[in-house]
Amino acid sequence: MLIKAFRIVKVLQPDRLFRHRISFSIYPFNDYFKGFEKVEAVRRIFGEETEEALRNLRVEFSPFIGYMGVNGSNGHLIVNPTYLRNGDRLDIYLDVIHELVHVRQRMEGKDLFATDYSYAERPIEVEAYRYVVEEARRLRLSDKRICEYLEVPWMSKKDFEKLAKALSVKRKQ
């Protein structure tokens, strides 16, 4: 439907994955996420360095995180395999875009975990969500659907309102 530019090609079973975590659980991004080097939003994130950045990016699978994130110590993408297997494909796609912005930010030396601001006001989060909103609008998602994506369990209603306003997304009524 909307997302034909990429494919998620492999997802390990959590029990098999857990056994692998003890010895080796880091995999090349391109082995699990195909076609992202062709996605215009990703090309805007990394520019001319897109292919190299994705080729060098690694994925850690961990059933101990909620959805996705970036490992602050090594810059790897961390993915919950259950989310990857069962999550909404559009949300997964937008999450990858969001996390790739954080990968680039870390490459630039930015602190991904600074606590000087609330979550919704952190410049790194606003920038990452801005890329997501641009891509969501390119895909012709409604503001209602974008708000559904933005409204996450770890963000208060007040922070959600701040973020939506900062991103010029009309909040759902």
Protein backbone atom coordinates (compact mmCIF):
# COMPACT_ATOMS: atom_id res chain seq x y z
CA MET A 1 0.00 0.00 0.00
CA LEU A 2 1.86 3.10 1.23
CA ILE A 3 5.22 1.56 1.96
CA LYS A 4 6.68 -0.31 -0.93
CA ALA A 5 10.16 1.20 -0.69
CA PHE A 6 11.36 -1.14 2.01
CA ARG A 7 11.03 -4.68 3.30
CA ILE A 8 11.71 -6.19 6.66
CA VAL A 9 13.22 -9.48 5.62
CA LYS A 10 14.03 -11.43 8.76
CA VAL A 11 12.71 -11.52 12.28
CA LEU A 12 14.12 -13.98 14.76
CA GLN A 13 11.91 -15.85 17.19
CA PRO A 14 12.33 -14.34 20.68
CA ASP A 15 13.49 -17.65 22.25
CA ARG A 16 16.07 -18.18 19.52
CA LEU A 17 17.08 -14.54 19.80
CA PHE A 18 17.56 -14.78 23.54
CA ARG A 19 19.98 -17.68 23.06
CA HIS A 20 21.89 -15.60 20.49
CA ARG A 21 22.07 -12.56 22.81
CA ILE A 22 24.47 -14.43 25.04
CA SER A 23 26.99 -14.88 22.27
CA PHE A 24 26.20 -12.65 19.28
CA SER A 25 23.20 -10.43 18.72
CA ILE A 26 24.41 -7.67 16.45
CA TYR A 27 23.48 -7.78 12.79
CA PRO A 28 23.90 -5.50 9.76
CA PHE A 29 20.97 -3.09 9.33
CA ASN A 30 20.74 -3.91 5.62
CA ASP A 31 20.22 -7.61 6.37
CA TYR A 32 16.94 -6.82 8.14
CA PHE A 33 15.74 -3.60 6.53
CA LYS A 34 15.87 -3.65 2.75
CA GLY A 35 15.51 -0.62 0.52
CA PHE A 36 15.85 2.14 3.09
CA GLU A 37 18.81 3.56 1.15
CA LYS A 38 16.29 4.43 -1.59
CA VAL A 39 13.80 6.18 0.72
CA GLU A 40 13.93 9.94 0.14
CA ALA A 41 13.36 10.69 3.84
CA VAL A 42 16.42 8.60 4.72
CA ARG A 43 18.44 10.27 1.99
CA ARG A 44 17.53 13.65 3.54
CA ILE A 45 18.75 12.40 6.92
CA PHE A 46 22.18 11.20 5.77
CA GLY A 47 22.65 12.98 2.43
CA GLU A 48 25.47 11.64 0.30
CA GLU A 49 26.54 9.38 3.17
CA THR A 50 23.29 7.36 3.09
CA GLU A 51 24.62 4.10 1.66
CA GLU A 52 27.72 4.13 3.86
CA ALA A 53 25.77 5.05 7.01
CA LEU A 54 23.26 2.22 6.50
CA ARG A 55 25.97 -0.25 5.49
CA ASN A 56 27.84 0.50 8.73
CA LEU A 57 24.75 0.55 10.95
CA ARG A 58 24.12 -2.46 13.15
CA VAL A 59 20.90 -3.75 14.69
CA GLU A 60 20.64 -5.23 18.16
CA PHE A 61 17.50 -7.26 18.84
CA SER A 62 16.31 -7.07 22.41
CA PRO A 63 13.01 -8.23 23.86
CA PHE A 64 13.74 -5.97 26.84
CA ILE A 65 12.91 -2.65 25.14
CA GLY A 66 9.45 -1.39 24.18
CA TYR A 67 9.77 -0.69 20.46
CA MET A 68 12.97 0.79 19.04
CA GLY A 69 15.79 3.00 20.14
CA VAL A 70 19.43 3.84 19.62
CA ASN A 71 22.15 2.41 21.82
CA GLY A 72 23.85 5.51 23.23
CA SER A 73 27.19 3.77 23.70
CA ASN A 74 27.68 2.35 20.21
CA GLY A 75 25.02 3.94 17.97
CA HIS A 76 23.36 0.65 17.04
CA LEU A 77 19.64 0.52 16.36
CA ILE A 78 17.92 -1.52 19.09
CA VAL A 79 14.72 -3.29 18.05
CA ASN A 80 12.24 -5.39 19.95
CA PRO A 81 11.68 -8.46 17.71
CA THR A 82 8.09 -8.88 18.88
CA TYR A 83 7.30 -5.32 17.85
CA LEU A 84 9.01 -5.88 14.51
CA ARG A 85 6.99 -9.03 13.93
CA ASN A 86 3.60 -7.86 15.23
CA GLY A 87 3.61 -4.06 15.09
CA ASP A 88 1.78 -1.90 12.59
CA ARG A 89 3.97 -1.75 9.46
CA LEU A 90 3.42 1.97 9.00
CA ASP A 91 4.38 2.69 12.62
CA ILE A 92 7.49 0.53 12.24
CA TYR A 93 8.44 2.39 9.07
CA LEU A 94 8.01 5.77 10.77
CA ASP A 95 9.89 4.53 13.85
CA VAL A 96 12.85 3.53 11.68
CA ILE A 97 12.87 7.01 10.12
CA HIS A 98 12.74 8.55 13.62
CA GLU A 99 15.55 6.36 14.97
CA LEU A 100 17.74 6.93 11.91
CA VAL A 101 17.65 10.64 12.72
CA HIS A 102 18.97 9.73 16.19
CA VAL A 103 21.68 7.58 14.60
CA ARG A 104 22.82 10.59 12.57
CA GLN A 105 22.59 12.87 15.61
CA ARG A 106 24.81 10.49 17.58
CA MET A 107 27.28 10.40 14.66
CA GLU A 108 27.39 14.21 14.96
CA GLY A 109 28.25 13.90 18.66
CA LYS A 110 24.90 15.02 20.04
CA ASP A 111 23.78 13.76 23.44
CA LEU A 112 20.71 11.62 22.84
CA PHE A 113 19.83 11.39 26.50
CA ALA A 114 20.21 14.96 27.75
CA THR A 115 17.62 15.79 30.38
CA ASP A 116 17.70 19.59 30.09
CA TYR A 117 14.24 19.53 28.46
CA SER A 118 11.10 17.49 28.73
CA TYR A 119 10.90 14.67 26.17
CA ALA A 120 8.63 16.66 23.84
CA GLU A 121 10.85 19.75 23.98
CA ARG A 122 14.22 18.07 23.44
CA PRO A 123 15.69 19.47 20.24
CA ILE A 124 16.83 16.00 19.15
CA GLU A 125 13.31 14.59 19.56
CA VAL A 126 11.63 17.51 17.82
CA GLU A 127 14.04 17.11 14.89
CA ALA A 128 13.42 13.35 14.66
CA TYR A 129 9.65 13.77 14.84
CA ARG A 130 9.84 16.55 12.24
CA TYR A 131 11.32 14.07 9.74
CA VAL A 132 8.57 11.60 10.62
CA VAL A 133 5.81 14.18 10.15
CA GLU A 134 7.27 15.25 6.79
CA GLU A 135 7.30 11.63 5.65
CA ALA A 136 3.81 11.01 7.02
CA ARG A 137 2.51 14.00 5.08
CA ARG A 138 4.30 12.83 1.94
CA LEU A 139 2.40 9.56 2.39
CA ARG A 140 -0.79 11.64 2.70
CA LEU A 141 -1.58 10.60 6.26
CA SER A 142 -4.19 12.70 8.00
CA ASP A 143 -3.31 14.80 11.02
CA LYS A 144 -5.53 12.44 13.02
CA ARG A 145 -3.36 9.45 11.99
CA ILE A 146 -0.17 11.42 12.62
CA CYS A 147 -1.44 12.25 16.12
CA GLU A 148 -2.18 8.58 16.72
CA TYR A 149 1.45 7.87 15.87
CA LEU A 150 2.80 10.74 18.00
CA GLU A 151 0.76 9.90 21.10
CA VAL A 152 3.05 7.42 22.83
CA PRO A 153 2.70 5.89 26.31
CA TRP A 154 5.85 7.53 27.70
CA MET A 155 4.68 11.06 26.88
CA SER A 156 2.20 12.97 29.01
CA LYS A 157 -0.87 14.52 27.41
CA LYS A 158 0.67 17.95 28.04
CA ASP A 159 3.91 16.97 26.30
CA PHE A 160 1.95 15.45 23.42
CA GLU A 161 0.13 18.78 22.98
CA LYS A 162 3.47 20.66 22.99
CA LEU A 163 4.99 18.31 20.45
CA ALA A 164 1.98 18.42 18.13
CA LYS A 165 2.02 22.22 18.26
CA ALA A 166 5.78 22.38 17.58
CA LEU A 167 5.28 20.13 14.56
CA SER A 168 2.20 22.03 13.31
CA VAL A 169 0.05 18.92 13.57
CA LYS A 170 -3.59 19.60 14.36
CA ARG A 171 -4.46 17.68 17.46
CA LYS A 172 -7.32 15.23 17.21
CA GLN A 173 -10.60 16.39 18.70
